[in-house]
Amino acid sequence: MPVEPAPCTPEGGSIPIEVNTRARRVELVPGVTWDASAYPTLQSVTAIAHGGTGIITTSDGASTLHTGEAATWSVARDIDAALTGPLTITPDTGTVTVTWTQEVPL
């Protein structure tokens, strides 16, 4: 017997969990790494290199983010899905802005 039964709708289905999305942004300088593993409910990530290059590391390995280049990852669904890593972004010779959204409960 459940300790605390889950609430149900009159039709017998469970009540959906309501969530929202929060936007965040950070500007990185060389030597500082942004790591997706710190944000378990990621919905999207965009990195843009300014005045130099950056290094992006995924499960495919490391690649260069060139000056003025943008790279974006996102999920197609807004619920029950999240980006998973590894994904790290590190400026090399310039700054890199990282903008991301993550799911948060209401």
PDB file of N, CA and C in Angstrom:
ATOM      1  N   MET A   1       0.844  -1.164   0.000  1.00  0.00           N
ATOM      2  CA  MET A   1       0.000   0.000   0.000  1.00  0.00           C
ATOM      3  C   MET A   1       0.893   1.232   0.000  1.00  0.00           C
ATOM      4  N   PRO A   2       0.639   2.203  -0.909  1.00  0.00           N
ATOM      5  CA  PRO A   2       1.462   3.407  -0.967  1.00  0.00           C
ATOM      6  C   PRO A   2       1.369   4.219   0.315  1.00  0.00           C
ATOM      7  N   VAL A   3       2.465   4.826   0.685  1.00  0.00           N
ATOM      8  CA  VAL A   3       2.481   5.687   1.866  1.00  0.00           C
ATOM      9  C   VAL A   3       1.681   6.950   1.593  1.00  0.00           C
ATOM     10  N   GLU A   4       1.854   7.503   0.409  1.00  0.00           N
ATOM     11  CA  GLU A   4       1.124   8.712   0.028  1.00  0.00           C
ATOM     12  C   GLU A   4       0.692   8.555  -1.423  1.00  0.00           C
ATOM     13  N   PRO A   5      -0.567   8.168  -1.660  1.00  0.00           N
ATOM     14  CA  PRO A   5      -1.017   7.959  -3.045  1.00  0.00           C
ATOM     15  C   PRO A   5      -0.898   9.216  -3.892  1.00  0.00           C
ATOM     16  N   ALA A   6      -0.614   9.028  -5.177  1.00  0.00           N
ATOM     17  CA  ALA A   6      -0.525  10.153  -6.112  1.00  0.00           C
ATOM     18  C   ALA A   6      -1.924  10.672  -6.418  1.00  0.00           C
ATOM     19  N   PRO A   7      -2.081  11.998  -6.496  1.00  0.00           N
ATOM     20  CA  PRO A   7      -3.400  12.542  -6.825  1.00  0.00           C
ATOM     21  C   PRO A   7      -3.804  12.155  -8.245  1.00  0.00           C
ATOM     22  N   CYS A   8      -5.098  11.997  -8.464  1.00  0.00           N
ATOM     23  CA  CYS A   8      -5.616  11.618  -9.778  1.00  0.00           C
ATOM     24  C   CYS A   8      -6.659  12.631 -10.238  1.00  0.00           C
ATOM     25  N   THR A   9      -6.814  12.722 -11.540  1.00  0.00           N
ATOM     26  CA  THR A   9      -7.858  13.574 -12.101  1.00  0.00           C
ATOM     27  C   THR A   9      -9.180  12.819 -12.028  1.00  0.00           C
ATOM     28  N   PRO A  10     -10.314  13.498 -12.194  1.00  0.00           N
ATOM     29  CA  PRO A  10     -11.600  12.807 -12.166  1.00  0.00           C
ATOM     30  C   PRO A  10     -11.705  11.690 -13.203  1.00  0.00           C
ATOM     31  N   GLU A  11     -10.963  11.803 -14.310  1.00  0.00           N
ATOM     32  CA  GLU A  11     -11.012  10.782 -15.350  1.00  0.00           C
ATOM     33  C   GLU A  11     -10.129   9.588 -15.007  1.00  0.00           C
ATOM     34  N   GLY A  12      -9.410   9.649 -13.903  1.00  0.00           N
ATOM     35  CA  GLY A  12      -8.569   8.525 -13.500  1.00  0.00           C
ATOM     36  C   GLY A  12      -7.112   8.658 -13.893  1.00  0.00           C
ATOM     37  N   GLY A  13      -6.742   9.682 -14.663  1.00  0.00           N
ATOM     38  CA  GLY A  13      -5.341   9.882 -15.039  1.00  0.00           C
ATOM     39  C   GLY A  13      -4.610  10.673 -13.981  1.00  0.00           C
ATOM     40  N   SER A  14      -3.308  10.691 -14.046  1.00  0.00           N
ATOM     41  CA  SER A  14      -2.545  11.470 -13.069  1.00  0.00           C
ATOM     42  C   SER A  14      -2.513  12.934 -13.482  1.00  0.00           C
ATOM     43  N   ILE A  15      -2.274  13.795 -12.521  1.00  0.00           N
ATOM     44  CA  ILE A  15      -2.201  15.237 -12.764  1.00  0.00           C
ATOM     45  C   ILE A  15      -0.839  15.548 -13.364  1.00  0.00           C
ATOM     46  N   PRO A  16      -0.802  16.255 -14.493  1.00  0.00           N
ATOM     47  CA  PRO A  16       0.504  16.558 -15.104  1.00  0.00           C
ATOM     48  C   PRO A  16       1.307  17.519 -14.228  1.00  0.00           C
ATOM     49  N   ILE A  17       2.617  17.327 -14.212  1.00  0.00           N
ATOM     50  CA  ILE A  17       3.507  18.228 -13.487  1.00  0.00           C
ATOM     51  C   ILE A  17       3.717  19.457 -14.352  1.00  0.00           C
ATOM     52  N   GLU A  18       3.502  20.620 -13.772  1.00  0.00           N
ATOM     53  CA  GLU A  18       3.677  21.854 -14.533  1.00  0.00           C
ATOM     54  C   GLU A  18       5.108  22.343 -14.382  1.00  0.00           C
ATOM     55  N   VAL A  19       5.701  22.716 -15.501  1.00  0.00           N
ATOM     56  CA  VAL A  19       7.074  23.199 -15.505  1.00  0.00           C
ATOM     57  C   VAL A  19       7.157  24.490 -16.301  1.00  0.00           C
ATOM     58  N   ASN A  20       8.245  25.176 -16.114  1.00  0.00           N
ATOM     59  CA  ASN A  20       8.525  26.403 -16.822  1.00  0.00           C
ATOM     60  C   ASN A  20       9.954  26.311 -17.340  1.00  0.00           C
ATOM     61  N   THR A  21      10.355  27.254 -18.144  1.00  0.00           N
ATOM     62  CA  THR A  21      11.718  27.277 -18.667  1.00  0.00           C
ATOM     63  C   THR A  21      12.395  28.569 -18.249  1.00  0.00           C
ATOM     64  N   ARG A  22      13.619  28.452 -17.747  1.00  0.00           N
ATOM     65  CA  ARG A  22      14.399  29.619 -17.314  1.00  0.00           C
ATOM     66  C   ARG A  22      15.551  29.826 -18.285  1.00  0.00           C
ATOM     67  N   ALA A  23      15.734  31.064 -18.726  1.00  0.00           N
ATOM     68  CA  ALA A  23      16.848  31.412 -19.618  1.00  0.00           C
ATOM     69  C   ALA A  23      18.011  31.924 -18.778  1.00  0.00           C
ATOM     70  N   ARG A  24      19.224  31.529 -19.167  1.00  0.00           N
ATOM     71  CA  ARG A  24      20.430  31.962 -18.460  1.00  0.00           C
ATOM     72  C   ARG A  24      21.496  32.297 -19.493  1.00  0.00           C
ATOM     73  N   ARG A  25      22.465  33.114 -19.072  1.00  0.00           N
ATOM     74  CA  ARG A  25      23.553  33.517 -19.978  1.00  0.00           C
ATOM     75  C   ARG A  25      24.789  33.848 -19.157  1.00  0.00           C
ATOM     76  N   VAL A  26      25.952  33.476 -19.681  1.00  0.00           N
ATOM     77  CA  VAL A  26      27.213  33.783 -19.022  1.00  0.00           C
ATOM     78  C   VAL A  26      28.256  34.096 -20.090  1.00  0.00           C
ATOM     79  N   GLU A  27      29.185  34.976 -19.753  1.00  0.00           N
ATOM     80  CA  GLU A  27      30.315  35.283 -20.639  1.00  0.00           C
ATOM     81  C   GLU A  27      31.556  34.662 -20.019  1.00  0.00           C
ATOM     82  N   LEU A  28      32.207  33.787 -20.779  1.00  0.00           N
ATOM     83  CA  LEU A  28      33.383  33.071 -20.296  1.00  0.00           C
ATOM     84  C   LEU A  28      34.665  33.692 -20.837  1.00  0.00           C
ATOM     85  N   VAL A  29      35.689  33.674 -20.032  1.00  0.00           N
ATOM     86  CA  VAL A  29      37.023  34.125 -20.444  1.00  0.00           C
ATOM     87  C   VAL A  29      37.933  32.890 -20.459  1.00  0.00           C
ATOM     88  N   PRO A  30      39.084  32.975 -21.143  1.00  0.00           N
ATOM     89  CA  PRO A  30      39.988  31.819 -21.185  1.00  0.00           C
ATOM     90  C   PRO A  30      40.283  31.285 -19.788  1.00  0.00           C
ATOM     91  N   GLY A  31      40.289  29.959 -19.674  1.00  0.00           N
ATOM     92  CA  GLY A  31      40.558  29.311 -18.399  1.00  0.00           C
ATOM     93  C   GLY A  31      39.306  28.947 -17.615  1.00  0.00           C
ATOM     94  N   VAL A  32      38.139  29.444 -18.033  1.00  0.00           N
ATOM     95  CA  VAL A  32      36.872  29.132 -17.360  1.00  0.00           C
ATOM     96  C   VAL A  32      36.073  28.203 -18.266  1.00  0.00           C
ATOM     97  N   THR A  33      35.552  27.120 -17.710  1.00  0.00           N
ATOM     98  CA  THR A  33      34.807  26.133 -18.503  1.00  0.00           C
ATOM     99  C   THR A  33      33.352  26.093 -18.065  1.00  0.00           C
ATOM    100  N   TRP A  34      32.448  26.068 -19.037  1.00  0.00           N
ATOM    101  CA  TRP A  34      31.019  25.847 -18.777  1.00  0.00           C
ATOM    102  C   TRP A  34      30.766  24.376 -19.025  1.00  0.00           C
ATOM    103  N   ASP A  35      30.098  23.704 -18.073  1.00  0.00           N
ATOM    104  CA  ASP A  35      29.880  22.265 -18.157  1.00  0.00           C
ATOM    105  C   ASP A  35      28.388  21.959 -18.041  1.00  0.00           C
ATOM    106  N   ALA A  36      27.835  21.326 -19.068  1.00  0.00           N
ATOM    107  CA  ALA A  36      26.409  21.006 -19.093  1.00  0.00           C
ATOM    108  C   ALA A  36      25.986  20.106 -17.944  1.00  0.00           C
ATOM    109  N   SER A  37      26.905  19.326 -17.404  1.00  0.00           N
ATOM    110  CA  SER A  37      26.537  18.407 -16.321  1.00  0.00           C
ATOM    111  C   SER A  37      26.065  19.143 -15.065  1.00  0.00           C
ATOM    112  N   ALA A  38      26.352  20.437 -14.969  1.00  0.00           N
ATOM    113  CA  ALA A  38      25.896  21.229 -13.831  1.00  0.00           C
ATOM    114  C   ALA A  38      24.427  21.619 -13.947  1.00  0.00           C
ATOM    115  N   TYR A  39      23.808  21.347 -15.103  1.00  0.00           N
ATOM    116  CA  TYR A  39      22.425  21.751 -15.375  1.00  0.00           C
ATOM    117  C   TYR A  39      21.645  20.541 -15.896  1.00  0.00           C
ATOM    118  N   PRO A  40      21.122  19.692 -15.020  1.00  0.00           N
ATOM    119  CA  PRO A  40      20.519  18.430 -15.448  1.00  0.00           C
ATOM    120  C   PRO A  40      19.221  18.549 -16.244  1.00  0.00           C
ATOM    121  N   THR A  41      18.584  19.699 -16.267  1.00  0.00           N
ATOM    122  CA  THR A  41      17.318  19.830 -17.003  1.00  0.00           C
ATOM    123  C   THR A  41      17.456  20.760 -18.201  1.00  0.00           C
ATOM    124  N   LEU A  42      18.598  20.696 -18.884  1.00  0.00           N
ATOM    125  CA  LEU A  42      18.852  21.556 -20.045  1.00  0.00           C
ATOM    126  C   LEU A  42      17.855  21.311 -21.166  1.00  0.00           C
ATOM    127  N   GLN A  43      17.395  22.389 -21.767  1.00  0.00           N
ATOM    128  CA  GLN A  43      16.521  22.309 -22.928  1.00  0.00           C
ATOM    129  C   GLN A  43      17.245  22.797 -24.184  1.00  0.00           C
ATOM    130  N   SER A  44      18.113  23.815 -24.035  1.00  0.00           N
ATOM    131  CA  SER A  44      18.873  24.321 -25.181  1.00  0.00           C
ATOM    132  C   SER A  44      20.155  24.980 -24.694  1.00  0.00           C
ATOM    133  N   VAL A  45      21.168  24.984 -25.574  1.00  0.00           N
ATOM    134  CA  VAL A  45      22.452  25.634 -25.294  1.00  0.00           C
ATOM    135  C   VAL A  45      22.935  26.264 -26.588  1.00  0.00           C
ATOM    136  N   THR A  46      23.403  27.518 -26.506  1.00  0.00           N
ATOM    137  CA  THR A  46      24.036  28.185 -27.640  1.00  0.00           C
ATOM    138  C   THR A  46      25.341  28.807 -27.166  1.00  0.00           C
ATOM    139  N   ALA A  47      26.411  28.566 -27.904  1.00  0.00           N
ATOM    140  CA  ALA A  47      27.719  29.150 -27.610  1.00  0.00           C
ATOM    141  C   ALA A  47      28.144  30.004 -28.797  1.00  0.00           C
ATOM    142  N   ILE A  48      28.666  31.207 -28.520  1.00  0.00           N
ATOM    143  CA  ILE A  48      29.158  32.111 -29.571  1.00  0.00           C
ATOM    144  C   ILE A  48      30.546  32.594 -29.180  1.00  0.00           C
ATOM    145  N   ALA A  49      31.506  32.481 -30.110  1.00  0.00           N
ATOM    146  CA  ALA A  49      32.875  32.935 -29.876  1.00  0.00           C
ATOM    147  C   ALA A  49      33.012  34.400 -30.293  1.00  0.00           C
ATOM    148  N   HIS A  50      33.664  35.192 -29.434  1.00  0.00           N
ATOM    149  CA  HIS A  50      33.871  36.627 -29.689  1.00  0.00           C
ATOM    150  C   HIS A  50      35.367  36.940 -29.575  1.00  0.00           C
ATOM    151  N   GLY A  51      35.951  37.501 -30.607  1.00  0.00           N
ATOM    152  CA  GLY A  51      37.330  37.965 -30.555  1.00  0.00           C
ATOM    153  C   GLY A  51      38.365  36.874 -30.383  1.00  0.00           C
ATOM    154  N   GLY A  52      38.044  35.663 -30.726  1.00  0.00           N
ATOM    155  CA  GLY A  52      38.969  34.543 -30.597  1.00  0.00           C
ATOM    156  C   GLY A  52      38.224  33.240 -30.771  1.00  0.00           C
ATOM    157  N   THR A  53      38.833  32.166 -30.307  1.00  0.00           N
ATOM    158  CA  THR A  53      38.241  30.853 -30.487  1.00  0.00           C
ATOM    159  C   THR A  53      37.871  30.231 -29.144  1.00  0.00           C
ATOM    160  N   GLY A  54      37.102  29.181 -29.223  1.00  0.00           N
ATOM    161  CA  GLY A  54      36.758  28.395 -28.047  1.00  0.00           C
ATOM    162  C   GLY A  54      36.883  26.921 -28.382  1.00  0.00           C
ATOM    163  N   ILE A  55      36.838  26.099 -27.364  1.00  0.00           N
ATOM    164  CA  ILE A  55      36.905  24.653 -27.547  1.00  0.00           C
ATOM    165  C   ILE A  55      35.615  24.055 -27.005  1.00  0.00           C
ATOM    166  N   ILE A  56      34.942  23.273 -27.843  1.00  0.00           N
ATOM    167  CA  ILE A  56      33.728  22.571 -27.455  1.00  0.00           C
ATOM    168  C   ILE A  56      34.050  21.088 -27.420  1.00  0.00           C
ATOM    169  N   THR A  57      33.730  20.445 -26.305  1.00  0.00           N
ATOM    170  CA  THR A  57      33.980  19.019 -26.177  1.00  0.00           C
ATOM    171  C   THR A  57      32.653  18.300 -25.953  1.00  0.00           C
ATOM    172  N   THR A  58      32.374  17.319 -26.804  1.00  0.00           N
ATOM    173  CA  THR A  58      31.182  16.480 -26.703  1.00  0.00           C
ATOM    174  C   THR A  58      31.630  15.025 -26.696  1.00  0.00           C
ATOM    175  N   SER A  59      30.683  14.111 -26.773  1.00  0.00           N
ATOM    176  CA  SER A  59      31.039  12.696 -26.828  1.00  0.00           C
ATOM    177  C   SER A  59      31.802  12.355 -28.111  1.00  0.00           C
ATOM    178  N   ASP A  60      31.751  13.253 -29.115  1.00  0.00           N
ATOM    179  CA  ASP A  60      32.491  13.054 -30.361  1.00  0.00           C
ATOM    180  C   ASP A  60      33.928  13.553 -30.275  1.00  0.00           C
ATOM    181  N   GLY A  61      34.309  14.220 -29.174  1.00  0.00           N
ATOM    182  CA  GLY A  61      35.647  14.768 -29.011  1.00  0.00           C
ATOM    183  C   GLY A  61      35.625  16.283 -28.984  1.00  0.00           C
ATOM    184  N   ALA A  62      36.800  16.887 -29.102  1.00  0.00           N
ATOM    185  CA  ALA A  62      36.934  18.344 -29.051  1.00  0.00           C
ATOM    186  C   ALA A  62      36.903  18.936 -30.453  1.00  0.00           C
ATOM    187  N   SER A  63      36.331  20.146 -30.551  1.00  0.00           N
ATOM    188  CA  SER A  63      36.325  20.873 -31.819  1.00  0.00           C
ATOM    189  C   SER A  63      36.453  22.362 -31.528  1.00  0.00           C
ATOM    190  N   THR A  64      36.880  23.114 -32.542  1.00  0.00           N
ATOM    191  CA  THR A  64      37.097  24.551 -32.382  1.00  0.00           C
ATOM    192  C   THR A  64      35.836  25.331 -32.721  1.00  0.00           C
ATOM    193  N   LEU A  65      35.509  26.270 -31.858  1.00  0.00           N
ATOM    194  CA  LEU A  65      34.455  27.247 -32.124  1.00  0.00           C
ATOM    195  C   LEU A  65      35.187  28.498 -32.597  1.00  0.00           C
ATOM    196  N   HIS A  66      35.052  28.835 -33.879  1.00  0.00           N
ATOM    197  CA  HIS A  66      35.810  29.927 -34.483  1.00  0.00           C
ATOM    198  C   HIS A  66      35.179  31.290 -34.182  1.00  0.00           C
ATOM    199  N   THR A  67      35.966  32.344 -34.282  1.00  0.00           N
ATOM    200  CA  THR A  67      35.490  33.704 -34.026  1.00  0.00           C
ATOM    201  C   THR A  67      34.218  33.984 -34.814  1.00  0.00           C
ATOM    202  N   GLY A  68      33.182  34.436 -34.129  1.00  0.00           N
ATOM    203  CA  GLY A  68      31.914  34.775 -34.761  1.00  0.00           C
ATOM    204  C   GLY A  68      31.004  33.582 -35.014  1.00  0.00           C
ATOM    205  N   GLU A  69      31.489  32.389 -34.776  1.00  0.00           N
ATOM    206  CA  GLU A  69      30.690  31.188 -35.017  1.00  0.00           C
ATOM    207  C   GLU A  69      29.787  30.905 -33.815  1.00  0.00           C
ATOM    208  N   ALA A  70      28.602  30.369 -34.102  1.00  0.00           N
ATOM    209  CA  ALA A  70      27.669  29.952 -33.063  1.00  0.00           C
ATOM    210  C   ALA A  70      27.383  28.468 -33.215  1.00  0.00           C
ATOM    211  N   ALA A  71      27.213  27.798 -32.101  1.00  0.00           N
ATOM    212  CA  ALA A  71      26.818  26.387 -32.096  1.00  0.00           C
ATOM    213  C   ALA A  71      25.647  26.249 -31.141  1.00  0.00           C
ATOM    214  N   THR A  72      24.612  25.495 -31.563  1.00  0.00           N
ATOM    215  CA  THR A  72      23.400  25.353 -30.760  1.00  0.00           C
ATOM    216  C   THR A  72      22.985  23.899 -30.670  1.00  0.00           C
ATOM    217  N   TRP A  73      22.499  23.500 -29.497  1.00  0.00           N
ATOM    218  CA  TRP A  73      21.906  22.198 -29.261  1.00  0.00           C
ATOM    219  C   TRP A  73      20.570  22.433 -28.580  1.00  0.00           C
ATOM    220  N   SER A  74      19.569  21.625 -28.926  1.00  0.00           N
ATOM    221  CA  SER A  74      18.277  21.757 -28.254  1.00  0.00           C
ATOM    222  C   SER A  74      17.490  20.453 -28.360  1.00  0.00           C
ATOM    223  N   VAL A  75      16.499  20.321 -27.481  1.00  0.00           N
ATOM    224  CA  VAL A  75      15.609  19.167 -27.544  1.00  0.00           C
ATOM    225  C   VAL A  75      14.366  19.562 -28.330  1.00  0.00           C
ATOM    226  N   ALA A  76      13.749  18.592 -28.975  1.00  0.00           N
ATOM    227  CA  ALA A  76      12.578  18.868 -29.802  1.00  0.00           C
ATOM    228  C   ALA A  76      11.305  18.984 -28.972  1.00  0.00           C
ATOM    229  N   ARG A  77      11.289  18.367 -27.802  1.00  0.00           N
ATOM    230  CA  ARG A  77      10.112  18.406 -26.939  1.00  0.00           C
ATOM    231  C   ARG A  77      10.400  19.280 -25.737  1.00  0.00           C
ATOM    232  N   ASP A  78       9.378  19.938 -25.216  1.00  0.00           N
ATOM    233  CA  ASP A  78       9.594  20.813 -24.069  1.00  0.00           C
ATOM    234  C   ASP A  78       9.381  20.118 -22.733  1.00  0.00           C
ATOM    235  N   ILE A  79       8.870  18.875 -22.727  1.00  0.00           N
ATOM    236  CA  ILE A  79       8.727  18.132 -21.478  1.00  0.00           C
ATOM    237  C   ILE A  79       9.253  16.722 -21.668  1.00  0.00           C
ATOM    238  N   ASP A  80       9.617  16.104 -20.574  1.00  0.00           N
ATOM    239  CA  ASP A  80      10.100  14.727 -20.574  1.00  0.00           C
ATOM    240  C   ASP A  80      11.326  14.512 -21.455  1.00  0.00           C
ATOM    241  N   ALA A  81      12.092  15.552 -21.693  1.00  0.00           N
ATOM    242  CA  ALA A  81      13.320  15.423 -22.470  1.00  0.00           C
ATOM    243  C   ALA A  81      14.307  16.477 -21.992  1.00  0.00           C
ATOM    244  N   ALA A  82      15.569  16.128 -21.983  1.00  0.00           N
ATOM    245  CA  ALA A  82      16.611  17.077 -21.604  1.00  0.00           C
ATOM    246  C   ALA A  82      17.889  16.704 -22.334  1.00  0.00           C
ATOM    247  N   LEU A  83      18.717  17.694 -22.580  1.00  0.00           N
ATOM    248  CA  LEU A  83      20.018  17.450 -23.195  1.00  0.00           C
ATOM    249  C   LEU A  83      20.906  16.713 -22.200  1.00  0.00           C
ATOM    250  N   THR A  84      21.708  15.803 -22.705  1.00  0.00           N
ATOM    251  CA  THR A  84      22.668  15.114 -21.853  1.00  0.00           C
ATOM    252  C   THR A  84      24.061  15.292 -22.436  1.00  0.00           C
ATOM    253  N   GLY A  85      25.049  15.223 -21.601  1.00  0.00           N
ATOM    254  CA  GLY A  85      26.415  15.460 -22.015  1.00  0.00           C
ATOM    255  C   GLY A  85      27.114  14.183 -22.430  1.00  0.00           C
ATOM    256  N   PRO A  86      28.396  14.259 -22.538  1.00  0.00           N
ATOM    257  CA  PRO A  86      29.185  15.393 -22.091  1.00  0.00           C
ATOM    258  C   PRO A  86      29.114  16.574 -23.056  1.00  0.00           C
ATOM    259  N   LEU A  87      29.143  17.770 -22.495  1.00  0.00           N
ATOM    260  CA  LEU A  87      29.226  19.000 -23.273  1.00  0.00           C
ATOM    261  C   LEU A  87      29.922  20.039 -22.402  1.00  0.00           C
ATOM    262  N   THR A  88      31.142  20.405 -22.797  1.00  0.00           N
ATOM    263  CA  THR A  88      31.850  21.486 -22.123  1.00  0.00           C
ATOM    264  C   THR A  88      32.248  22.528 -23.151  1.00  0.00           C
ATOM    265  N   ILE A  89      32.296  23.783 -22.704  1.00  0.00           N
ATOM    266  CA  ILE A  89      32.654  24.904 -23.573  1.00  0.00           C
ATOM    267  C   ILE A  89      33.699  25.724 -22.839  1.00  0.00           C
ATOM    268  N   THR A  90      34.855  25.938 -23.487  1.00  0.00           N
ATOM    269  CA  THR A  90      35.961  26.665 -22.870  1.00  0.00           C
ATOM    270  C   THR A  90      36.545  27.657 -23.861  1.00  0.00           C
ATOM    271  N   PRO A  91      36.617  28.950 -23.520  1.00  0.00           N
ATOM    272  CA  PRO A  91      37.286  29.903 -24.402  1.00  0.00           C
ATOM    273  C   PRO A  91      38.765  29.557 -24.523  1.00  0.00           C
ATOM    274  N   ASP A  92      39.314  29.795 -25.707  1.00  0.00           N
ATOM    275  CA  ASP A  92      40.732  29.538 -25.950  1.00  0.00           C
ATOM    276  C   ASP A  92      41.478  30.864 -26.034  1.00  0.00           C
ATOM    277  N   THR A  93      41.146  31.689 -27.032  1.00  0.00           N
ATOM    278  CA  THR A  93      41.869  32.953 -27.213  1.00  0.00           C
ATOM    279  C   THR A  93      40.963  34.180 -27.124  1.00  0.00           C
ATOM    280  N   GLY A  94      39.703  34.012 -26.895  1.00  0.00           N
ATOM    281  CA  GLY A  94      38.779  35.144 -26.789  1.00  0.00           C
ATOM    282  C   GLY A  94      37.735  34.850 -25.738  1.00  0.00           C
ATOM    283  N   THR A  95      36.597  35.507 -25.828  1.00  0.00           N
ATOM    284  CA  THR A  95      35.504  35.207 -24.913  1.00  0.00           C
ATOM    285  C   THR A  95      34.448  34.378 -25.658  1.00  0.00           C
ATOM    286  N   VAL A  96      33.708  33.615 -24.900  1.00  0.00           N
ATOM    287  CA  VAL A  96      32.603  32.830 -25.447  1.00  0.00           C
ATOM    288  C   VAL A  96      31.382  33.105 -24.571  1.00  0.00           C
ATOM    289  N   THR A  97      30.284  33.488 -25.210  1.00  0.00           N
ATOM    290  CA  THR A  97      29.043  33.613 -24.455  1.00  0.00           C
ATOM    291  C   THR A  97      28.279  32.305 -24.586  1.00  0.00           C
ATOM    292  N   VAL A  98      27.714  31.865 -23.470  1.00  0.00           N
ATOM    293  CA  VAL A  98      26.908  30.651 -23.444  1.00  0.00           C
ATOM    294  C   VAL A  98      25.527  31.055 -22.938  1.00  0.00           C
ATOM    295  N   THR A  99      24.525  30.768 -23.745  1.00  0.00           N
ATOM    296  CA  THR A  99      23.139  31.038 -23.385  1.00  0.00           C
ATOM    297  C   THR A  99      22.430  29.696 -23.340  1.00  0.00           C
ATOM    298  N   TRP A 100      21.655  29.455 -22.264  1.00  0.00           N
ATOM    299  CA  TRP A 100      20.962  28.182 -22.151  1.00  0.00           C
ATOM    300  C   TRP A 100      19.616  28.345 -21.481  1.00  0.00           C
ATOM    301  N   THR A 101      18.758  27.371 -21.732  1.00  0.00           N
ATOM    302  CA  THR A 101      17.479  27.301 -21.041  1.00  0.00           C
ATOM    303  C   THR A 101      17.417  25.967 -20.316  1.00  0.00           C
ATOM    304  N   GLN A 102      16.728  25.988 -19.187  1.00  0.00           N
ATOM    305  CA  GLN A 102      16.547  24.755 -18.446  1.00  0.00           C
ATOM    306  C   GLN A 102      15.151  24.715 -17.859  1.00  0.00           C
ATOM    307  N   GLU A 103      14.631  23.512 -17.742  1.00  0.00           N
ATOM    308  CA  GLU A 103      13.306  23.289 -17.207  1.00  0.00           C
ATOM    309  C   GLU A 103      13.341  23.477 -15.695  1.00  0.00           C
ATOM    310  N   VAL A 104      12.354  24.206 -15.166  1.00  0.00           N
ATOM    311  CA  VAL A 104      12.232  24.394 -13.712  1.00  0.00           C
ATOM    312  C   VAL A 104      10.772  24.178 -13.329  1.00  0.00           C
ATOM    313  N   PRO A 105      10.523  23.598 -12.155  1.00  0.00           N
ATOM    314  CA  PRO A 105       9.139  23.407 -11.736  1.00  0.00           C
ATOM    315  C   PRO A 105       8.473  24.738 -11.412  1.00  0.00           C
ATOM    316  N   LEU A 106       7.167  24.806 -11.613  1.00  0.00           N
ATOM    317  CA  LEU A 106       6.419  26.028 -11.284  1.00  0.00           C
ATOM    318  C   LEU A 106       6.209  26.134  -9.804  1.00  0.00           C
TER     319      LEU A 106
END
